[in-house]
Amino acid sequence: MALHAQLGIVLTPALVLNGLALICALCGSWLLVITHCRQIGASRRAVIAQAPASRSTAGDTATQRINQVFYRFGWAGLLLGLGLSAASRSL
C-alpha cells in the first residue's frame, strides 16, 4: 500500500483490462503487418526470379495456408482487443 501512495498509481480493473486490450491489439496488428510484408516480399522474389510455370506449386499452397493462418490470428488479436476494450467500459 505504501508504494501506491508514494507513486500515485491506482490499478483499477478497468485499467488492467484496457492494458491487456492494448497488448492484444498491438500483437494482432503487428502480425497482420508482418504477414503482409512477407507476402509482398515473396511476390517480388517470384517476379525477380521469373520461376517457370511448370514448377510445382506445392510450396506456394503451403505458404498461402500459413499466410491465411497468420491473417486469422492477427484479426483474432484485433477483435479480442476490441472486445476487452469494450468490456473495460462496463467496469
PDB file of N, CA and C in Angstrom:
ATOM      1  N   MET A   1       0.809  -1.201   0.000  1.00  0.00           N
ATOM      2  CA  MET A   1       0.000   0.000   0.000  1.00  0.00           C
ATOM      3  C   MET A   1       0.852   1.266   0.000  1.00  0.00           C
ATOM      4  N   ALA A   2       1.982   1.209   0.655  1.00  0.00           N
ATOM      5  CA  ALA A   2       2.833   2.388   0.716  1.00  0.00           C
ATOM      6  C   ALA A   2       3.354   2.756  -0.668  1.00  0.00           C
ATOM      7  N   LEU A   3       3.590   1.757  -1.507  1.00  0.00           N
ATOM      8  CA  LEU A   3       4.076   2.030  -2.856  1.00  0.00           C
ATOM      9  C   LEU A   3       3.019   2.753  -3.679  1.00  0.00           C
ATOM     10  N   HIS A   4       1.768   2.362  -3.510  1.00  0.00           N
ATOM     11  CA  HIS A   4       0.693   3.028  -4.240  1.00  0.00           C
ATOM     12  C   HIS A   4       0.542   4.477  -3.794  1.00  0.00           C
ATOM     13  N   ALA A   5       0.714   4.717  -2.530  1.00  0.00           N
ATOM     14  CA  ALA A   5       0.560   6.076  -2.023  1.00  0.00           C
ATOM     15  C   ALA A   5       1.705   6.971  -2.485  1.00  0.00           C
ATOM     16  N   GLN A   6       2.898   6.417  -2.585  1.00  0.00           N
ATOM     17  CA  GLN A   6       4.043   7.237  -2.961  1.00  0.00           C
ATOM     18  C   GLN A   6       4.033   7.571  -4.448  1.00  0.00           C
ATOM     19  N   LEU A   7       3.739   6.595  -5.267  1.00  0.00           N
ATOM     20  CA  LEU A   7       3.793   6.822  -6.708  1.00  0.00           C
ATOM     21  C   LEU A   7       2.501   7.390  -7.276  1.00  0.00           C
ATOM     22  N   GLY A   8       1.426   7.270  -6.563  1.00  0.00           N
ATOM     23  CA  GLY A   8       0.149   7.754  -7.071  1.00  0.00           C
ATOM     24  C   GLY A   8      -0.450   6.835  -8.118  1.00  0.00           C
ATOM     25  N   ILE A   9      -0.020   5.586  -8.175  1.00  0.00           N
ATOM     26  CA  ILE A   9      -0.534   4.630  -9.156  1.00  0.00           C
ATOM     27  C   ILE A   9      -1.731   3.916  -8.559  1.00  0.00           C
ATOM     28  N   VAL A  10      -2.823   3.964  -9.268  1.00  0.00           N
ATOM     29  CA  VAL A  10      -4.020   3.253  -8.842  1.00  0.00           C
ATOM     30  C   VAL A  10      -4.359   2.247  -9.933  1.00  0.00           C
ATOM     31  N   LEU A  11      -4.265   0.965  -9.615  1.00  0.00           N
ATOM     32  CA  LEU A  11      -4.556  -0.073 -10.594  1.00  0.00           C
ATOM     33  C   LEU A  11      -6.001  -0.524 -10.425  1.00  0.00           C
ATOM     34  N   THR A  12      -6.844  -0.007 -11.254  1.00  0.00           N
ATOM     35  CA  THR A  12      -8.240  -0.424 -11.236  1.00  0.00           C
ATOM     36  C   THR A  12      -8.405  -1.578 -12.229  1.00  0.00           C
ATOM     37  N   PRO A  13      -9.433  -2.394 -12.054  1.00  0.00           N
ATOM     38  CA  PRO A  13      -9.650  -3.488 -13.005  1.00  0.00           C
ATOM     39  C   PRO A  13      -9.850  -3.003 -14.446  1.00  0.00           C
ATOM     40  N   ALA A  14     -10.490  -1.859 -14.596  1.00  0.00           N
ATOM     41  CA  ALA A  14     -10.706  -1.327 -15.944  1.00  0.00           C
ATOM     42  C   ALA A  14      -9.381  -0.950 -16.602  1.00  0.00           C
ATOM     43  N   LEU A  15      -8.469  -0.397 -15.832  1.00  0.00           N
ATOM     44  CA  LEU A  15      -7.168  -0.015 -16.379  1.00  0.00           C
ATOM     45  C   LEU A  15      -6.354  -1.244 -16.775  1.00  0.00           C
ATOM     46  N   VAL A  16      -6.395  -2.268 -15.948  1.00  0.00           N
ATOM     47  CA  VAL A  16      -5.671  -3.508 -16.260  1.00  0.00           C
ATOM     48  C   VAL A  16      -6.255  -4.165 -17.505  1.00  0.00           C
ATOM     49  N   LEU A  17      -7.584  -4.190 -17.603  1.00  0.00           N
ATOM     50  CA  LEU A  17      -8.242  -4.789 -18.768  1.00  0.00           C
ATOM     51  C   LEU A  17      -7.962  -3.990 -20.037  1.00  0.00           C
ATOM     52  N   ASN A  18      -7.902  -2.681 -19.905  1.00  0.00           N
ATOM     53  CA  ASN A  18      -7.580  -1.839 -21.065  1.00  0.00           C
ATOM     54  C   ASN A  18      -6.138  -2.049 -21.506  1.00  0.00           C
ATOM     55  N   GLY A  19      -5.237  -2.241 -20.558  1.00  0.00           N
ATOM     56  CA  GLY A  19      -3.846  -2.535 -20.905  1.00  0.00           C
ATOM     57  C   GLY A  19      -3.715  -3.863 -21.628  1.00  0.00           C
ATOM     58  N   LEU A  20      -4.470  -4.856 -21.161  1.00  0.00           N
ATOM     59  CA  LEU A  20      -4.474  -6.153 -21.831  1.00  0.00           C
ATOM     60  C   LEU A  20      -5.049  -6.040 -23.241  1.00  0.00           C
ATOM     61  N   ALA A  21      -6.084  -5.218 -23.397  1.00  0.00           N
ATOM     62  CA  ALA A  21      -6.666  -4.989 -24.721  1.00  0.00           C
ATOM     63  C   ALA A  21      -5.652  -4.336 -25.663  1.00  0.00           C
ATOM     64  N   LEU A  22      -4.887  -3.398 -25.124  1.00  0.00           N
ATOM     65  CA  LEU A  22      -3.866  -2.733 -25.934  1.00  0.00           C
ATOM     66  C   LEU A  22      -2.797  -3.713 -26.390  1.00  0.00           C
ATOM     67  N   ILE A  23      -2.357  -4.585 -25.494  1.00  0.00           N
ATOM     68  CA  ILE A  23      -1.338  -5.576 -25.857  1.00  0.00           C
ATOM     69  C   ILE A  23      -1.861  -6.537 -26.920  1.00  0.00           C
ATOM     70  N   CYS A  24      -3.103  -7.005 -26.772  1.00  0.00           N
ATOM     71  CA  CYS A  24      -3.692  -7.919 -27.764  1.00  0.00           C
ATOM     72  C   CYS A  24      -3.810  -7.242 -29.127  1.00  0.00           C
ATOM     73  N   ALA A  25      -4.269  -5.997 -29.130  1.00  0.00           N
ATOM     74  CA  ALA A  25      -4.440  -5.282 -30.396  1.00  0.00           C
ATOM     75  C   ALA A  25      -3.095  -5.007 -31.066  1.00  0.00           C
ATOM     76  N   LEU A  26      -2.086  -4.657 -30.283  1.00  0.00           N
ATOM     77  CA  LEU A  26      -0.766  -4.416 -30.860  1.00  0.00           C
ATOM     78  C   LEU A  26      -0.167  -5.691 -31.446  1.00  0.00           C
ATOM     79  N   CYS A  27      -0.314  -6.802 -30.741  1.00  0.00           N
ATOM     80  CA  CYS A  27       0.210  -8.075 -31.263  1.00  0.00           C
ATOM     81  C   CYS A  27      -0.519  -8.483 -32.542  1.00  0.00           C
ATOM     82  N   GLY A  28      -1.833  -8.327 -32.557  1.00  0.00           N
ATOM     83  CA  GLY A  28      -2.607  -8.675 -33.755  1.00  0.00           C
ATOM     84  C   GLY A  28      -2.258  -7.800 -34.941  1.00  0.00           C
ATOM     85  N   SER A  29      -2.124  -6.502 -34.707  1.00  0.00           N
ATOM     86  CA  SER A  29      -1.793  -5.605 -35.817  1.00  0.00           C
ATOM     87  C   SER A  29      -0.377  -5.851 -36.316  1.00  0.00           C
ATOM     88  N   TRP A  30       0.562  -6.139 -35.396  1.00  0.00           N
ATOM     89  CA  TRP A  30       1.927  -6.450 -35.815  1.00  0.00           C
ATOM     90  C   TRP A  30       1.946  -7.691 -36.693  1.00  0.00           C
ATOM     91  N   LEU A  31       1.163  -8.701 -36.307  1.00  0.00           N
ATOM     92  CA  LEU A  31       1.122  -9.938 -37.089  1.00  0.00           C
ATOM     93  C   LEU A  31       0.537  -9.687 -38.478  1.00  0.00           C
ATOM     94  N   LEU A  32      -0.483  -8.850 -38.569  1.00  0.00           N
ATOM     95  CA  LEU A  32      -1.059  -8.528 -39.879  1.00  0.00           C
ATOM     96  C   LEU A  32      -0.061  -7.782 -40.764  1.00  0.00           C
ATOM     97  N   VAL A  33       0.623  -6.819 -40.204  1.00  0.00           N
ATOM     98  CA  VAL A  33       1.582  -6.029 -40.991  1.00  0.00           C
ATOM     99  C   VAL A  33       2.749  -6.892 -41.456  1.00  0.00           C
ATOM    100  N   ILE A  34       3.291  -7.704 -40.561  1.00  0.00           N
ATOM    101  CA  ILE A  34       4.442  -8.544 -40.918  1.00  0.00           C
ATOM    102  C   ILE A  34       4.045  -9.583 -41.963  1.00  0.00           C
ATOM    103  N   THR A  35       2.864 -10.158 -41.832  1.00  0.00           N
ATOM    104  CA  THR A  35       2.414 -11.141 -42.823  1.00  0.00           C
ATOM    105  C   THR A  35       2.224 -10.492 -44.187  1.00  0.00           C
ATOM    106  N   HIS A  36       1.685  -9.282 -44.190  1.00  0.00           N
ATOM    107  CA  HIS A  36       1.501  -8.587 -45.466  1.00  0.00           C
ATOM    108  C   HIS A  36       2.856  -8.262 -46.105  1.00  0.00           C
ATOM    109  N   CYS A  37       3.807  -7.800 -45.296  1.00  0.00           N
ATOM    110  CA  CYS A  37       5.150  -7.514 -45.826  1.00  0.00           C
ATOM    111  C   CYS A  37       5.823  -8.781 -46.343  1.00  0.00           C
ATOM    112  N   ARG A  38       5.630  -9.879 -45.629  1.00  0.00           N
ATOM    113  CA  ARG A  38       6.196 -11.165 -46.057  1.00  0.00           C
ATOM    114  C   ARG A  38       5.598 -11.609 -47.392  1.00  0.00           C
ATOM    115  N   GLN A  39       4.302 -11.414 -47.538  1.00  0.00           N
ATOM    116  CA  GLN A  39       3.627 -11.801 -48.775  1.00  0.00           C
ATOM    117  C   GLN A  39       4.092 -10.940 -49.944  1.00  0.00           C
ATOM    118  N   ILE A  40       4.270  -9.663 -49.721  1.00  0.00           N
ATOM    119  CA  ILE A  40       4.757  -8.770 -50.780  1.00  0.00           C
ATOM    120  C   ILE A  40       6.197  -9.133 -51.157  1.00  0.00           C
ATOM    121  N   GLY A  41       7.026  -9.426 -50.155  1.00  0.00           N
ATOM    122  CA  GLY A  41       8.412  -9.817 -50.439  1.00  0.00           C
ATOM    123  C   GLY A  41       8.497 -11.103 -51.241  1.00  0.00           C
ATOM    124  N   ALA A  42       7.626 -12.053 -50.924  1.00  0.00           N
ATOM    125  CA  ALA A  42       7.626 -13.317 -51.669  1.00  0.00           C
ATOM    126  C   ALA A  42       7.196 -13.102 -53.112  1.00  0.00           C
ATOM    127  N   SER A  43       6.215 -12.238 -53.321  1.00  0.00           N
ATOM    128  CA  SER A  43       5.772 -11.992 -54.690  1.00  0.00           C
ATOM    129  C   SER A  43       6.844 -11.246 -55.487  1.00  0.00           C
ATOM    130  N   ARG A  44       7.577 -10.359 -54.829  1.00  0.00           N
ATOM    131  CA  ARG A  44       8.667  -9.659 -55.521  1.00  0.00           C
ATOM    132  C   ARG A  44       9.790 -10.614 -55.892  1.00  0.00           C
ATOM    133  N   ARG A  45      10.115 -11.529 -54.971  1.00  0.00           N
ATOM    134  CA  ARG A  45      11.170 -12.506 -55.279  1.00  0.00           C
ATOM    135  C   ARG A  45      10.749 -13.416 -56.426  1.00  0.00           C
ATOM    136  N   ALA A  46       9.459 -13.749 -56.504  1.00  0.00           N
ATOM    137  CA  ALA A  46       8.976 -14.603 -57.590  1.00  0.00           C
ATOM    138  C   ALA A  46       9.062 -13.881 -58.927  1.00  0.00           C
ATOM    139  N   VAL A  47       8.793 -12.590 -58.918  1.00  0.00           N
ATOM    140  CA  VAL A  47       8.870 -11.813 -60.162  1.00  0.00           C
ATOM    141  C   VAL A  47      10.320 -11.677 -60.597  1.00  0.00           C
ATOM    142  N   ILE A  48      11.210 -11.443 -59.655  1.00  0.00           N
ATOM    143  CA  ILE A  48      12.627 -11.279 -59.993  1.00  0.00           C
ATOM    144  C   ILE A  48      13.212 -12.596 -60.508  1.00  0.00           C
ATOM    145  N   ALA A  49      12.873 -13.691 -59.847  1.00  0.00           N
ATOM    146  CA  ALA A  49      13.419 -14.990 -60.249  1.00  0.00           C
ATOM    147  C   ALA A  49      12.769 -15.498 -61.525  1.00  0.00           C
ATOM    148  N   GLN A  50      11.571 -15.038 -61.821  1.00  0.00           N
ATOM    149  CA  GLN A  50      10.813 -15.459 -63.001  1.00  0.00           C
ATOM    150  C   GLN A  50      10.779 -16.983 -63.088  1.00  0.00           C
ATOM    151  N   ALA A  51      10.169 -17.577 -62.063  1.00  0.00           N
ATOM    152  CA  ALA A  51      10.062 -19.038 -61.986  1.00  0.00           C
ATOM    153  C   ALA A  51       9.238 -19.567 -63.149  1.00  0.00           C
ATOM    154  N   PRO A  52       9.641 -20.700 -63.697  1.00  0.00           N
ATOM    155  CA  PRO A  52       8.869 -21.274 -64.809  1.00  0.00           C
ATOM    156  C   PRO A  52       7.489 -21.736 -64.350  1.00  0.00           C
ATOM    157  N   ALA A  53       6.532 -21.712 -65.267  1.00  0.00           N
ATOM    158  CA  ALA A  53       5.154 -22.058 -64.943  1.00  0.00           C
ATOM    159  C   ALA A  53       4.981 -23.551 -64.671  1.00  0.00           C
ATOM    160  N   SER A  54       5.886 -24.370 -65.147  1.00  0.00           N
ATOM    161  CA  SER A  54       5.753 -25.813 -64.966  1.00  0.00           C
ATOM    162  C   SER A  54       6.194 -26.279 -63.575  1.00  0.00           C
ATOM    163  N   ARG A  55       6.729 -25.369 -62.796  1.00  0.00           N
ATOM    164  CA  ARG A  55       7.204 -25.710 -61.457  1.00  0.00           C
ATOM    165  C   ARG A  55       6.036 -26.075 -60.543  1.00  0.00           C
ATOM    166  N   SER A  56       6.264 -26.992 -59.628  1.00  0.00           N
ATOM    167  CA  SER A  56       5.231 -27.435 -58.701  1.00  0.00           C
ATOM    168  C   SER A  56       4.824 -26.300 -57.776  1.00  0.00           C
ATOM    169  N   THR A  57       3.538 -26.206 -57.511  1.00  0.00           N
ATOM    170  CA  THR A  57       3.033 -25.137 -56.656  1.00  0.00           C
ATOM    171  C   THR A  57       2.728 -25.639 -55.250  1.00  0.00           C
ATOM    172  N   ALA A  58       3.316 -26.765 -54.852  1.00  0.00           N
ATOM    173  CA  ALA A  58       3.075 -27.291 -53.504  1.00  0.00           C
ATOM    174  C   ALA A  58       3.606 -26.329 -52.452  1.00  0.00           C
ATOM    175  N   GLY A  59       4.757 -25.730 -52.718  1.00  0.00           N
ATOM    176  CA  GLY A  59       5.309 -24.749 -51.787  1.00  0.00           C
ATOM    177  C   GLY A  59       4.470 -23.493 -51.722  1.00  0.00           C
ATOM    178  N   ASP A  60       3.898 -23.100 -52.861  1.00  0.00           N
ATOM    179  CA  ASP A  60       3.062 -21.914 -52.899  1.00  0.00           C
ATOM    180  C   ASP A  60       1.775 -22.113 -52.103  1.00  0.00           C
ATOM    181  N   THR A  61       1.172 -23.292 -52.209  1.00  0.00           N
ATOM    182  CA  THR A  61      -0.065 -23.527 -51.460  1.00  0.00           C
ATOM    183  C   THR A  61       0.221 -23.610 -49.964  1.00  0.00           C
ATOM    184  N   ALA A  62       1.362 -24.162 -49.596  1.00  0.00           N
ATOM    185  CA  ALA A  62       1.715 -24.216 -48.172  1.00  0.00           C
ATOM    186  C   ALA A  62       1.935 -22.810 -47.626  1.00  0.00           C
ATOM    187  N   THR A  63       2.597 -21.967 -48.408  1.00  0.00           N
ATOM    188  CA  THR A  63       2.834 -20.592 -47.991  1.00  0.00           C
ATOM    189  C   THR A  63       1.520 -19.828 -47.877  1.00  0.00           C
ATOM    190  N   GLN A  64       0.616 -20.067 -48.803  1.00  0.00           N
ATOM    191  CA  GLN A  64      -0.684 -19.401 -48.741  1.00  0.00           C
ATOM    192  C   GLN A  64      -1.471 -19.825 -47.508  1.00  0.00           C
ATOM    193  N   ARG A  65      -1.379 -21.100 -47.163  1.00  0.00           N
ATOM    194  CA  ARG A  65      -2.069 -21.577 -45.956  1.00  0.00           C
ATOM    195  C   ARG A  65      -1.488 -20.935 -44.706  1.00  0.00           C
ATOM    196  N   ILE A  66      -0.166 -20.857 -44.647  1.00  0.00           N
ATOM    197  CA  ILE A  66       0.488 -20.234 -43.490  1.00  0.00           C
ATOM    198  C   ILE A  66       0.087 -18.770 -43.385  1.00  0.00           C
ATOM    199  N   ASN A  67       0.098 -18.076 -44.510  1.00  0.00           N
ATOM    200  CA  ASN A  67      -0.310 -16.670 -44.507  1.00  0.00           C
ATOM    201  C   ASN A  67      -1.752 -16.516 -44.058  1.00  0.00           C
ATOM    202  N   GLN A  68      -2.618 -17.419 -44.500  1.00  0.00           N
ATOM    203  CA  GLN A  68      -4.018 -17.360 -44.102  1.00  0.00           C
ATOM    204  C   GLN A  68      -4.170 -17.573 -42.593  1.00  0.00           C
ATOM    205  N   VAL A  69      -3.404 -18.495 -42.031  1.00  0.00           N
ATOM    206  CA  VAL A  69      -3.445 -18.723 -40.580  1.00  0.00           C
ATOM    207  C   VAL A  69      -2.957 -17.480 -39.838  1.00  0.00           C
ATOM    208  N   PHE A  70      -1.869 -16.872 -40.322  1.00  0.00           N
ATOM    209  CA  PHE A  70      -1.352 -15.667 -39.674  1.00  0.00           C
ATOM    210  C   PHE A  70      -2.346 -14.519 -39.760  1.00  0.00           C
ATOM    211  N   TYR A  71      -3.005 -14.373 -40.910  1.00  0.00           N
ATOM    212  CA  TYR A  71      -4.024 -13.332 -41.037  1.00  0.00           C
ATOM    213  C   TYR A  71      -5.176 -13.574 -40.051  1.00  0.00           C
ATOM    214  N   ARG A  72      -5.591 -14.811 -39.910  1.00  0.00           N
ATOM    215  CA  ARG A  72      -6.688 -15.111 -38.989  1.00  0.00           C
ATOM    216  C   ARG A  72      -6.302 -14.824 -37.543  1.00  0.00           C
ATOM    217  N   PHE A  73      -5.082 -15.202 -37.157  1.00  0.00           N
ATOM    218  CA  PHE A  73      -4.631 -14.908 -35.799  1.00  0.00           C
ATOM    219  C   PHE A  73      -4.503 -13.401 -35.578  1.00  0.00           C
ATOM    220  N   GLY A  74      -4.055 -12.673 -36.582  1.00  0.00           N
ATOM    221  CA  GLY A  74      -3.955 -11.223 -36.468  1.00  0.00           C
ATOM    222  C   GLY A  74      -5.306 -10.576 -36.265  1.00  0.00           C
ATOM    223  N   TRP A  75      -6.290 -10.987 -37.067  1.00  0.00           N
ATOM    224  CA  TRP A  75      -7.638 -10.438 -36.906  1.00  0.00           C
ATOM    225  C   TRP A  75      -8.251 -10.865 -35.579  1.00  0.00           C
ATOM    226  N   ALA A  76      -7.953 -12.081 -35.128  1.00  0.00           N
ATOM    227  CA  ALA A  76      -8.460 -12.536 -33.824  1.00  0.00           C
ATOM    228  C   ALA A  76      -7.876 -11.674 -32.701  1.00  0.00           C
ATOM    229  N   GLY A  77      -6.605 -11.321 -32.806  1.00  0.00           N
ATOM    230  CA  GLY A  77      -5.987 -10.445 -31.812  1.00  0.00           C
ATOM    231  C   GLY A  77      -6.628  -9.068 -31.782  1.00  0.00           C
ATOM    232  N   LEU A  78      -6.913  -8.528 -32.969  1.00  0.00           N
ATOM    233  CA  LEU A  78      -7.574  -7.223 -33.024  1.00  0.00           C
ATOM    234  C   LEU A  78      -8.987  -7.289 -32.444  1.00  0.00           C
ATOM    235  N   LEU A  79      -9.712  -8.342 -32.771  1.00  0.00           N
ATOM    236  CA  LEU A  79     -11.072  -8.471 -32.253  1.00  0.00           C
ATOM    237  C   LEU A  79     -11.076  -8.711 -30.746  1.00  0.00           C
ATOM    238  N   LEU A  80     -10.120  -9.473 -30.258  1.00  0.00           N
ATOM    239  CA  LEU A  80     -10.009  -9.687 -28.818  1.00  0.00           C
ATOM    240  C   LEU A  80      -9.695  -8.370 -28.111  1.00  0.00           C
ATOM    241  N   GLY A  81      -8.809  -7.594 -28.671  1.00  0.00           N
ATOM    242  CA  GLY A  81      -8.504  -6.282 -28.097  1.00  0.00           C
ATOM    243  C   GLY A  81      -9.717  -5.369 -28.084  1.00  0.00           C
ATOM    244  N   LEU A  82     -10.484  -5.392 -29.159  1.00  0.00           N
ATOM    245  CA  LEU A  82     -11.698  -4.584 -29.216  1.00  0.00           C
ATOM    246  C   LEU A  82     -12.713  -5.043 -28.175  1.00  0.00           C
ATOM    247  N   GLY A  83     -12.867  -6.350 -28.040  1.00  0.00           N
ATOM    248  CA  GLY A  83     -13.806  -6.883 -27.058  1.00  0.00           C
ATOM    249  C   GLY A  83     -13.396  -6.563 -25.627  1.00  0.00           C
ATOM    250  N   LEU A  84     -12.102  -6.686 -25.331  1.00  0.00           N
ATOM    251  CA  LEU A  84     -11.629  -6.361 -23.989  1.00  0.00           C
ATOM    252  C   LEU A  84     -11.760  -4.868 -23.695  1.00  0.00           C
ATOM    253  N   SER A  85     -11.526  -4.050 -24.696  1.00  0.00           N
ATOM    254  CA  SER A  85     -11.685  -2.616 -24.512  1.00  0.00           C
ATOM    255  C   SER A  85     -13.145  -2.240 -24.247  1.00  0.00           C
ATOM    256  N   ALA A  86     -14.041  -2.881 -24.967  1.00  0.00           N
ATOM    257  CA  ALA A  86     -15.476  -2.632 -24.739  1.00  0.00           C
ATOM    258  C   ALA A  86     -15.899  -3.149 -23.375  1.00  0.00           C
ATOM    259  N   ALA A  87     -15.336  -4.269 -22.945  1.00  0.00           N
ATOM    260  CA  ALA A  87     -15.676  -4.825 -21.632  1.00  0.00           C
ATOM    261  C   ALA A  87     -15.134  -3.957 -20.506  1.00  0.00           C
ATOM    262  N   SER A  88     -14.035  -3.274 -20.734  1.00  0.00           N
ATOM    263  CA  SER A  88     -13.472  -2.422 -19.683  1.00  0.00           C
ATOM    264  C   SER A  88     -14.352  -1.201 -19.428  1.00  0.00           C
ATOM    265  N   ARG A  89     -15.162  -0.829 -20.375  1.00  0.00           N
ATOM    266  CA  ARG A  89     -16.075   0.295 -20.164  1.00  0.00           C
ATOM    267  C   ARG A  89     -17.161  -0.022 -19.157  1.00  0.00           C
ATOM    268  N   SER A  90     -17.551  -1.280 -19.105  1.00  0.00           N
ATOM    269  CA  SER A  90     -18.635  -1.646 -18.197  1.00  0.00           C
ATOM    270  C   SER A  90     -18.162  -1.807 -16.757  1.00  0.00           C
ATOM    271  N   LEU A  91     -16.842  -1.805 -16.533  1.00  0.00           N
ATOM    272  CA  LEU A  91     -16.325  -1.940 -15.159  1.00  0.00           C
ATOM    273  C   LEU A  91     -16.284  -0.614 -14.448  1.00  0.00           C
TER     274      LEU A  91
END
